[in-house]
């Protein structure tokens, strides 16, 4: 029953992506892609005072990559860059068998936990998170 709920959450984010579209005044615009399967995501961030004020995305790909992108954009708005990096680590850990990230606005991320049962799909779920990491690194010049 829980697996069915998680599938529904992933499908909802895929069919009704949150924060979809370009962000005209973005401080960062980074494109991530998985050349093996063709998934792609472009992430736009607006950053002020060390916090993510806005996050939007465009892209194409499987339901998992696009749902993960939608969930991620919801989870990172309002977080400091350091908190966003910590969340990336928690999601990567979850994909390796660790616990589900907990906190406000993170409930939907639990749906991605089941993806680790399909190792070939883990890269799909992590694509937006890797793109976020690259965005923060480029913004910081590291």
N, C-alpha and C. Protein backbone atom coordinates (compact mmCIF):
# COMPACT_ATOMS: atom_id res chain seq x y z
N UNK A 1 0.82 -1.20 0.00
CA UNK A 1 0.00 0.00 0.00
C UNK A 1 0.87 1.26 0.00
N UNK A 2 1.97 1.25 0.76
CA UNK A 2 2.86 2.39 0.79
C UNK A 2 3.53 2.59 -0.56
N UNK A 3 3.91 1.49 -1.22
CA UNK A 3 4.50 1.59 -2.56
C UNK A 3 3.54 2.27 -3.53
N UNK A 4 2.26 1.94 -3.41
CA UNK A 4 1.25 2.55 -4.30
C UNK A 4 1.15 4.06 -4.04
N UNK A 5 1.17 4.46 -2.77
CA UNK A 5 1.12 5.87 -2.43
C UNK A 5 2.34 6.59 -3.00
N UNK A 6 3.51 5.98 -2.87
CA UNK A 6 4.73 6.60 -3.38
C UNK A 6 4.69 6.72 -4.90
N UNK A 7 4.16 5.71 -5.57
CA UNK A 7 4.02 5.79 -7.03
C UNK A 7 3.10 6.95 -7.42
N UNK A 8 2.03 7.12 -6.66
CA UNK A 8 1.09 8.21 -6.94
C UNK A 8 1.75 9.58 -6.74
N UNK A 9 2.58 9.71 -5.72
CA UNK A 9 3.28 10.97 -5.47
C UNK A 9 4.23 11.27 -6.63
N UNK A 10 4.98 10.27 -7.07
CA UNK A 10 5.90 10.47 -8.20
C UNK A 10 5.12 10.84 -9.46
N UNK A 11 4.03 10.14 -9.73
CA UNK A 11 3.23 10.46 -10.92
C UNK A 11 2.62 11.85 -10.82
N UNK A 12 2.19 12.25 -9.63
CA UNK A 12 1.62 13.59 -9.47
C UNK A 12 2.66 14.66 -9.79
N UNK A 13 3.87 14.50 -9.27
CA UNK A 13 4.92 15.49 -9.55
C UNK A 13 5.32 15.47 -11.02
N UNK A 14 5.25 14.30 -11.65
CA UNK A 14 5.58 14.21 -13.08
C UNK A 14 4.51 14.89 -13.93
N UNK A 15 3.26 14.61 -13.62
CA UNK A 15 2.15 15.16 -14.41
C UNK A 15 1.88 16.63 -14.10
N UNK A 16 2.16 17.05 -12.87
CA UNK A 16 1.90 18.42 -12.42
C UNK A 16 3.16 18.99 -11.77
N UNK A 17 4.20 19.18 -12.56
CA UNK A 17 5.47 19.61 -11.97
C UNK A 17 5.34 20.98 -11.30
N UNK A 18 5.98 21.08 -10.14
CA UNK A 18 6.01 22.34 -9.42
C UNK A 18 7.20 23.16 -9.91
N UNK A 19 7.05 24.47 -9.88
CA UNK A 19 8.15 25.40 -10.22
C UNK A 19 8.71 25.14 -11.61
N UNK A 20 7.84 24.88 -12.55
CA UNK A 20 8.24 24.57 -13.92
C UNK A 20 8.36 25.85 -14.73
N UNK A 21 9.42 25.97 -15.48
CA UNK A 21 9.62 27.10 -16.36
C UNK A 21 10.92 27.81 -16.07
N UNK A 22 11.25 28.77 -16.92
CA UNK A 22 12.48 29.51 -16.76
C UNK A 22 12.31 30.59 -15.70
N UNK A 23 13.43 31.07 -15.20
CA UNK A 23 13.45 32.15 -14.23
C UNK A 23 14.31 33.25 -14.85
N UNK A 24 13.65 34.30 -15.32
CA UNK A 24 14.33 35.32 -16.12
C UNK A 24 15.50 35.98 -15.41
N UNK A 25 15.37 36.26 -14.13
CA UNK A 25 16.43 36.97 -13.41
C UNK A 25 17.27 36.03 -12.55
N UNK A 26 17.44 34.81 -13.01
CA UNK A 26 18.17 33.79 -12.24
C UNK A 26 19.63 34.18 -12.04
N UNK A 27 20.14 33.84 -10.87
CA UNK A 27 21.56 34.03 -10.59
C UNK A 27 22.38 32.87 -11.14
N UNK A 28 21.76 31.71 -11.28
CA UNK A 28 22.42 30.56 -11.88
C UNK A 28 21.47 29.88 -12.85
N UNK A 29 22.05 29.34 -13.88
CA UNK A 29 21.32 28.51 -14.85
C UNK A 29 22.28 27.39 -15.24
N UNK A 30 21.95 26.18 -14.80
CA UNK A 30 22.84 25.04 -15.05
C UNK A 30 22.03 23.91 -15.67
N UNK A 31 22.58 23.33 -16.71
CA UNK A 31 21.94 22.19 -17.38
C UNK A 31 22.65 20.91 -16.97
N UNK A 32 21.85 19.95 -16.54
CA UNK A 32 22.37 18.63 -16.24
C UNK A 32 21.73 17.62 -17.17
N UNK A 33 22.48 16.60 -17.52
CA UNK A 33 21.89 15.58 -18.38
C UNK A 33 22.52 14.23 -18.10
N UNK A 34 21.78 13.21 -18.46
CA UNK A 34 22.26 11.84 -18.39
C UNK A 34 22.30 11.35 -19.83
N UNK A 35 23.48 11.34 -20.45
CA UNK A 35 23.56 10.97 -21.86
C UNK A 35 23.16 9.53 -22.15
N UNK A 36 23.19 8.68 -21.15
CA UNK A 36 22.84 7.28 -21.36
C UNK A 36 21.35 7.12 -21.66
N UNK A 37 20.52 7.83 -20.89
CA UNK A 37 19.07 7.67 -21.08
C UNK A 37 18.40 8.88 -21.72
N UNK A 38 19.10 10.02 -21.75
CA UNK A 38 18.54 11.21 -22.37
C UNK A 38 17.82 12.15 -21.43
N UNK A 39 17.76 11.82 -20.13
CA UNK A 39 17.14 12.74 -19.18
C UNK A 39 17.93 14.03 -19.15
N UNK A 40 17.21 15.15 -19.03
CA UNK A 40 17.87 16.44 -18.91
C UNK A 40 17.05 17.36 -18.03
N UNK A 41 17.76 18.23 -17.34
CA UNK A 41 17.12 19.23 -16.49
C UNK A 41 17.97 20.50 -16.54
N UNK A 42 17.31 21.63 -16.65
CA UNK A 42 17.97 22.92 -16.51
C UNK A 42 17.39 23.56 -15.26
N UNK A 43 18.27 23.92 -14.35
CA UNK A 43 17.87 24.47 -13.06
C UNK A 43 18.23 25.95 -13.01
N UNK A 44 17.25 26.75 -12.61
CA UNK A 44 17.42 28.19 -12.46
C UNK A 44 17.25 28.53 -10.99
N UNK A 45 18.22 29.24 -10.42
CA UNK A 45 18.14 29.64 -9.02
C UNK A 45 18.27 31.14 -8.88
N UNK A 46 17.47 31.70 -8.00
CA UNK A 46 17.61 33.09 -7.56
C UNK A 46 18.10 33.01 -6.13
N UNK A 47 19.23 33.63 -5.85
CA UNK A 47 19.88 33.53 -4.54
C UNK A 47 20.05 34.93 -3.96
N UNK A 48 19.68 35.08 -2.69
CA UNK A 48 19.86 36.36 -1.99
C UNK A 48 20.23 36.08 -0.54
N UNK A 49 21.22 36.80 -0.06
CA UNK A 49 21.67 36.66 1.33
C UNK A 49 21.98 35.21 1.69
N UNK A 50 22.57 34.47 0.74
CA UNK A 50 22.97 33.10 1.01
C UNK A 50 21.84 32.09 1.04
N UNK A 51 20.64 32.52 0.63
CA UNK A 51 19.48 31.63 0.60
C UNK A 51 18.90 31.53 -0.80
N UNK A 52 18.27 30.40 -1.06
CA UNK A 52 17.61 30.20 -2.35
C UNK A 52 16.23 30.84 -2.27
N UNK A 53 16.06 31.93 -2.99
CA UNK A 53 14.78 32.65 -2.99
C UNK A 53 13.78 32.04 -3.96
N UNK A 54 14.29 31.50 -5.06
CA UNK A 54 13.41 30.90 -6.07
C UNK A 54 14.17 29.82 -6.81
N UNK A 55 13.45 28.79 -7.20
CA UNK A 55 14.02 27.70 -8.00
C UNK A 55 12.98 27.29 -9.03
N UNK A 56 13.42 27.21 -10.25
CA UNK A 56 12.54 26.77 -11.34
C UNK A 56 13.35 25.83 -12.22
N UNK A 57 12.64 25.06 -13.03
CA UNK A 57 13.35 24.10 -13.89
C UNK A 57 12.61 23.89 -15.19
N UNK A 58 13.38 23.47 -16.16
CA UNK A 58 12.84 22.98 -17.42
C UNK A 58 13.56 21.66 -17.69
N UNK A 59 13.06 20.89 -18.62
CA UNK A 59 13.74 19.65 -18.97
C UNK A 59 12.79 18.60 -19.49
N UNK A 60 13.38 17.49 -19.83
CA UNK A 60 12.65 16.34 -20.35
C UNK A 60 13.28 15.08 -19.81
N UNK A 61 12.47 14.05 -19.71
CA UNK A 61 13.01 12.79 -19.27
C UNK A 61 11.94 11.91 -18.68
N UNK A 62 12.38 10.89 -18.00
CA UNK A 62 11.46 9.92 -17.42
C UNK A 62 10.71 10.51 -16.23
N UNK A 63 9.70 9.81 -15.79
CA UNK A 63 8.88 10.29 -14.68
C UNK A 63 9.70 10.48 -13.41
N UNK A 64 10.69 9.62 -13.20
CA UNK A 64 11.48 9.71 -11.97
C UNK A 64 12.36 10.96 -11.97
N UNK A 65 13.05 11.23 -13.06
CA UNK A 65 13.93 12.42 -13.09
C UNK A 65 13.11 13.70 -12.99
N UNK A 66 12.00 13.74 -13.68
CA UNK A 66 11.21 14.97 -13.68
C UNK A 66 10.45 15.16 -12.36
N UNK A 67 9.98 14.08 -11.76
CA UNK A 67 9.33 14.18 -10.45
C UNK A 67 10.34 14.57 -9.38
N UNK A 68 11.53 14.01 -9.43
CA UNK A 68 12.56 14.35 -8.47
C UNK A 68 12.93 15.84 -8.59
N UNK A 69 12.96 16.35 -9.80
CA UNK A 69 13.24 17.77 -10.02
C UNK A 69 12.16 18.62 -9.38
N UNK A 70 10.90 18.26 -9.59
CA UNK A 70 9.78 18.99 -9.00
C UNK A 70 9.86 18.99 -7.47
N UNK A 71 10.11 17.82 -6.91
CA UNK A 71 10.23 17.70 -5.44
C UNK A 71 11.38 18.54 -4.92
N UNK A 72 12.50 18.50 -5.63
CA UNK A 72 13.68 19.23 -5.20
C UNK A 72 13.42 20.73 -5.19
N UNK A 73 12.80 21.26 -6.25
CA UNK A 73 12.58 22.71 -6.29
C UNK A 73 11.69 23.15 -5.14
N UNK A 74 10.75 22.31 -4.75
CA UNK A 74 9.90 22.65 -3.60
C UNK A 74 10.71 22.63 -2.31
N UNK A 75 11.59 21.67 -2.19
CA UNK A 75 12.31 21.45 -0.93
C UNK A 75 13.40 22.48 -0.67
N UNK A 76 13.93 23.11 -1.70
CA UNK A 76 15.10 23.97 -1.49
C UNK A 76 14.79 25.45 -1.32
N UNK A 77 13.63 25.89 -1.77
CA UNK A 77 13.32 27.32 -1.66
C UNK A 77 13.25 27.71 -0.19
N UNK A 78 13.97 28.77 0.14
CA UNK A 78 14.03 29.26 1.51
C UNK A 78 15.21 28.71 2.31
N UNK A 79 15.90 27.72 1.76
CA UNK A 79 17.05 27.13 2.46
C UNK A 79 18.33 27.91 2.13
N UNK A 80 19.24 27.88 3.08
CA UNK A 80 20.56 28.44 2.81
C UNK A 80 21.28 27.50 1.84
N UNK A 81 22.31 28.01 1.20
CA UNK A 81 23.07 27.16 0.28
C UNK A 81 23.69 25.98 1.02
N UNK A 82 24.17 26.22 2.24
CA UNK A 82 24.75 25.11 3.02
C UNK A 82 23.69 24.07 3.38
N UNK A 83 22.48 24.53 3.73
CA UNK A 83 21.40 23.58 4.03
C UNK A 83 21.01 22.79 2.78
N UNK A 84 21.02 23.45 1.63
CA UNK A 84 20.70 22.76 0.38
C UNK A 84 21.75 21.68 0.09
N UNK A 85 23.02 22.01 0.32
CA UNK A 85 24.07 21.02 0.12
C UNK A 85 23.92 19.85 1.08
N UNK A 86 23.54 20.14 2.31
CA UNK A 86 23.31 19.06 3.28
C UNK A 86 22.15 18.18 2.84
N UNK A 87 21.11 18.78 2.29
CA UNK A 87 19.96 18.02 1.81
C UNK A 87 20.36 17.13 0.64
N UNK A 88 21.21 17.63 -0.23
CA UNK A 88 21.71 16.81 -1.34
C UNK A 88 22.37 15.56 -0.77
N UNK A 89 23.20 15.73 0.25
CA UNK A 89 23.87 14.59 0.88
C UNK A 89 22.88 13.61 1.48
N UNK A 90 21.80 14.12 2.08
CA UNK A 90 20.78 13.24 2.66
C UNK A 90 20.06 12.44 1.58
N UNK A 91 19.75 13.08 0.46
CA UNK A 91 19.07 12.38 -0.63
C UNK A 91 20.00 11.33 -1.24
N UNK A 92 21.27 11.69 -1.44
CA UNK A 92 22.23 10.72 -1.95
C UNK A 92 22.35 9.54 -0.98
N UNK A 93 22.37 9.83 0.31
CA UNK A 93 22.43 8.77 1.32
C UNK A 93 21.21 7.87 1.28
N UNK A 94 20.04 8.48 1.11
CA UNK A 94 18.80 7.70 1.01
C UNK A 94 18.88 6.73 -0.16
N UNK A 95 19.47 7.16 -1.26
CA UNK A 95 19.58 6.30 -2.44
C UNK A 95 20.57 5.16 -2.23
N UNK A 96 21.43 5.30 -1.23
CA UNK A 96 22.40 4.23 -0.91
C UNK A 96 21.91 3.38 0.26
N UNK A 97 20.68 3.60 0.71
CA UNK A 97 20.14 2.77 1.78
C UNK A 97 19.99 3.47 3.11
N UNK A 98 20.32 4.76 3.15
CA UNK A 98 20.16 5.52 4.38
C UNK A 98 18.72 5.92 4.61
N UNK A 99 18.51 6.71 5.62
CA UNK A 99 17.16 7.14 5.98
C UNK A 99 16.62 8.21 5.05
N UNK A 100 15.33 8.43 5.19
CA UNK A 100 14.63 9.44 4.41
C UNK A 100 14.85 10.80 5.06
N UNK A 101 15.18 11.83 4.27
CA UNK A 101 15.33 13.17 4.84
C UNK A 101 14.03 13.60 5.54
N UNK A 102 14.19 14.23 6.69
CA UNK A 102 13.02 14.68 7.45
C UNK A 102 13.07 16.17 7.63
N UNK A 103 11.90 16.76 7.70
CA UNK A 103 11.80 18.19 7.94
C UNK A 103 10.61 18.76 7.20
N UNK A 104 10.38 20.05 7.43
CA UNK A 104 9.25 20.71 6.75
C UNK A 104 9.40 20.61 5.23
N UNK A 105 8.33 20.37 4.56
CA UNK A 105 8.28 20.33 3.09
C UNK A 105 9.12 19.22 2.47
N UNK A 106 9.43 18.17 3.22
CA UNK A 106 10.25 17.08 2.68
C UNK A 106 9.49 15.77 2.57
N UNK A 107 8.21 15.75 2.92
CA UNK A 107 7.45 14.50 2.93
C UNK A 107 7.46 13.78 1.60
N UNK A 108 7.33 14.52 0.50
CA UNK A 108 7.26 13.88 -0.81
C UNK A 108 8.56 13.17 -1.18
N UNK A 109 9.68 13.62 -0.63
CA UNK A 109 10.97 12.99 -0.96
C UNK A 109 11.01 11.52 -0.58
N UNK A 110 10.21 11.13 0.40
CA UNK A 110 10.17 9.72 0.81
C UNK A 110 9.76 8.82 -0.36
N UNK A 111 9.00 9.36 -1.30
CA UNK A 111 8.57 8.57 -2.45
C UNK A 111 9.74 8.11 -3.30
N UNK A 112 10.84 8.85 -3.25
CA UNK A 112 12.01 8.48 -4.05
C UNK A 112 12.79 7.32 -3.46
N UNK A 113 12.52 7.00 -2.19
CA UNK A 113 13.25 5.92 -1.53
C UNK A 113 13.12 4.60 -2.29
N UNK A 114 11.95 4.33 -2.84
CA UNK A 114 11.72 3.07 -3.55
C UNK A 114 12.52 2.93 -4.82
N UNK A 115 13.03 4.05 -5.35
CA UNK A 115 13.80 4.01 -6.59
C UNK A 115 15.08 3.18 -6.41
N UNK A 116 15.62 3.16 -5.21
CA UNK A 116 16.87 2.43 -5.00
C UNK A 116 16.73 0.93 -5.24
N UNK A 117 15.50 0.44 -5.30
CA UNK A 117 15.27 -0.97 -5.63
C UNK A 117 15.61 -1.26 -7.10
N UNK A 118 15.73 -0.18 -7.87
CA UNK A 118 16.02 -0.28 -9.30
C UNK A 118 17.31 0.51 -9.59
N UNK A 119 18.45 -0.11 -9.38
CA UNK A 119 19.73 0.61 -9.46
C UNK A 119 19.92 1.43 -10.74
N UNK A 120 19.39 0.95 -11.84
CA UNK A 120 19.57 1.70 -13.10
C UNK A 120 18.78 3.00 -13.10
N UNK A 121 17.85 3.17 -12.17
CA UNK A 121 17.03 4.38 -12.12
C UNK A 121 17.50 5.40 -11.07
N UNK A 122 18.47 5.00 -10.24
CA UNK A 122 18.97 5.90 -9.21
C UNK A 122 19.55 7.16 -9.84
N UNK A 123 20.27 7.01 -10.96
CA UNK A 123 20.83 8.18 -11.63
C UNK A 123 19.73 9.13 -12.08
N UNK A 124 18.58 8.60 -12.43
CA UNK A 124 17.45 9.44 -12.83
C UNK A 124 17.01 10.32 -11.66
N UNK A 125 16.86 9.71 -10.51
CA UNK A 125 16.40 10.43 -9.33
C UNK A 125 17.43 11.45 -8.85
N UNK A 126 18.72 11.14 -9.03
CA UNK A 126 19.77 12.03 -8.54
C UNK A 126 20.16 13.14 -9.51
N UNK A 127 19.74 13.06 -10.77
CA UNK A 127 20.13 14.06 -11.76
C UNK A 127 19.84 15.49 -11.30
N UNK A 128 18.65 15.82 -10.84
CA UNK A 128 18.42 17.21 -10.43
C UNK A 128 19.27 17.62 -9.22
N UNK A 129 19.52 16.68 -8.33
CA UNK A 129 20.30 16.98 -7.14
C UNK A 129 21.76 17.24 -7.50
N UNK A 130 22.29 16.49 -8.47
CA UNK A 130 23.64 16.74 -8.96
C UNK A 130 23.71 18.09 -9.66
N UNK A 131 22.65 18.44 -10.37
CA UNK A 131 22.58 19.74 -11.04
C UNK A 131 22.52 20.87 -10.02
N UNK A 132 21.80 20.66 -8.93
CA UNK A 132 21.75 21.64 -7.85
C UNK A 132 23.14 21.84 -7.25
N UNK A 133 23.84 20.75 -7.00
CA UNK A 133 25.19 20.85 -6.44
C UNK A 133 26.09 21.65 -7.37
N UNK A 134 26.01 21.37 -8.66
CA UNK A 134 26.81 22.10 -9.64
C UNK A 134 26.42 23.57 -9.66
N UNK A 135 25.14 23.87 -9.53
CA UNK A 135 24.66 25.26 -9.51
C UNK A 135 25.26 26.02 -8.34
N UNK A 136 25.25 25.41 -7.18
CA UNK A 136 25.79 26.06 -5.98
C UNK A 136 27.30 26.26 -6.13
N UNK A 137 27.98 25.26 -6.65
CA UNK A 137 29.43 25.37 -6.84
C UNK A 137 29.76 26.49 -7.83
N UNK A 138 29.00 26.57 -8.92
CA UNK A 138 29.25 27.63 -9.90
C UNK A 138 28.95 29.00 -9.30
N UNK A 139 27.87 29.09 -8.53
CA UNK A 139 27.53 30.37 -7.90
C UNK A 139 28.64 30.82 -6.96
N UNK A 140 29.20 29.88 -6.22
CA UNK A 140 30.26 30.19 -5.26
C UNK A 140 31.63 30.29 -5.92
N UNK A 141 31.72 29.89 -7.18
CA UNK A 141 33.00 29.94 -7.88
C UNK A 141 33.97 28.87 -7.44
N UNK A 142 33.43 27.73 -7.00
CA UNK A 142 34.29 26.63 -6.54
C UNK A 142 34.28 25.47 -7.50
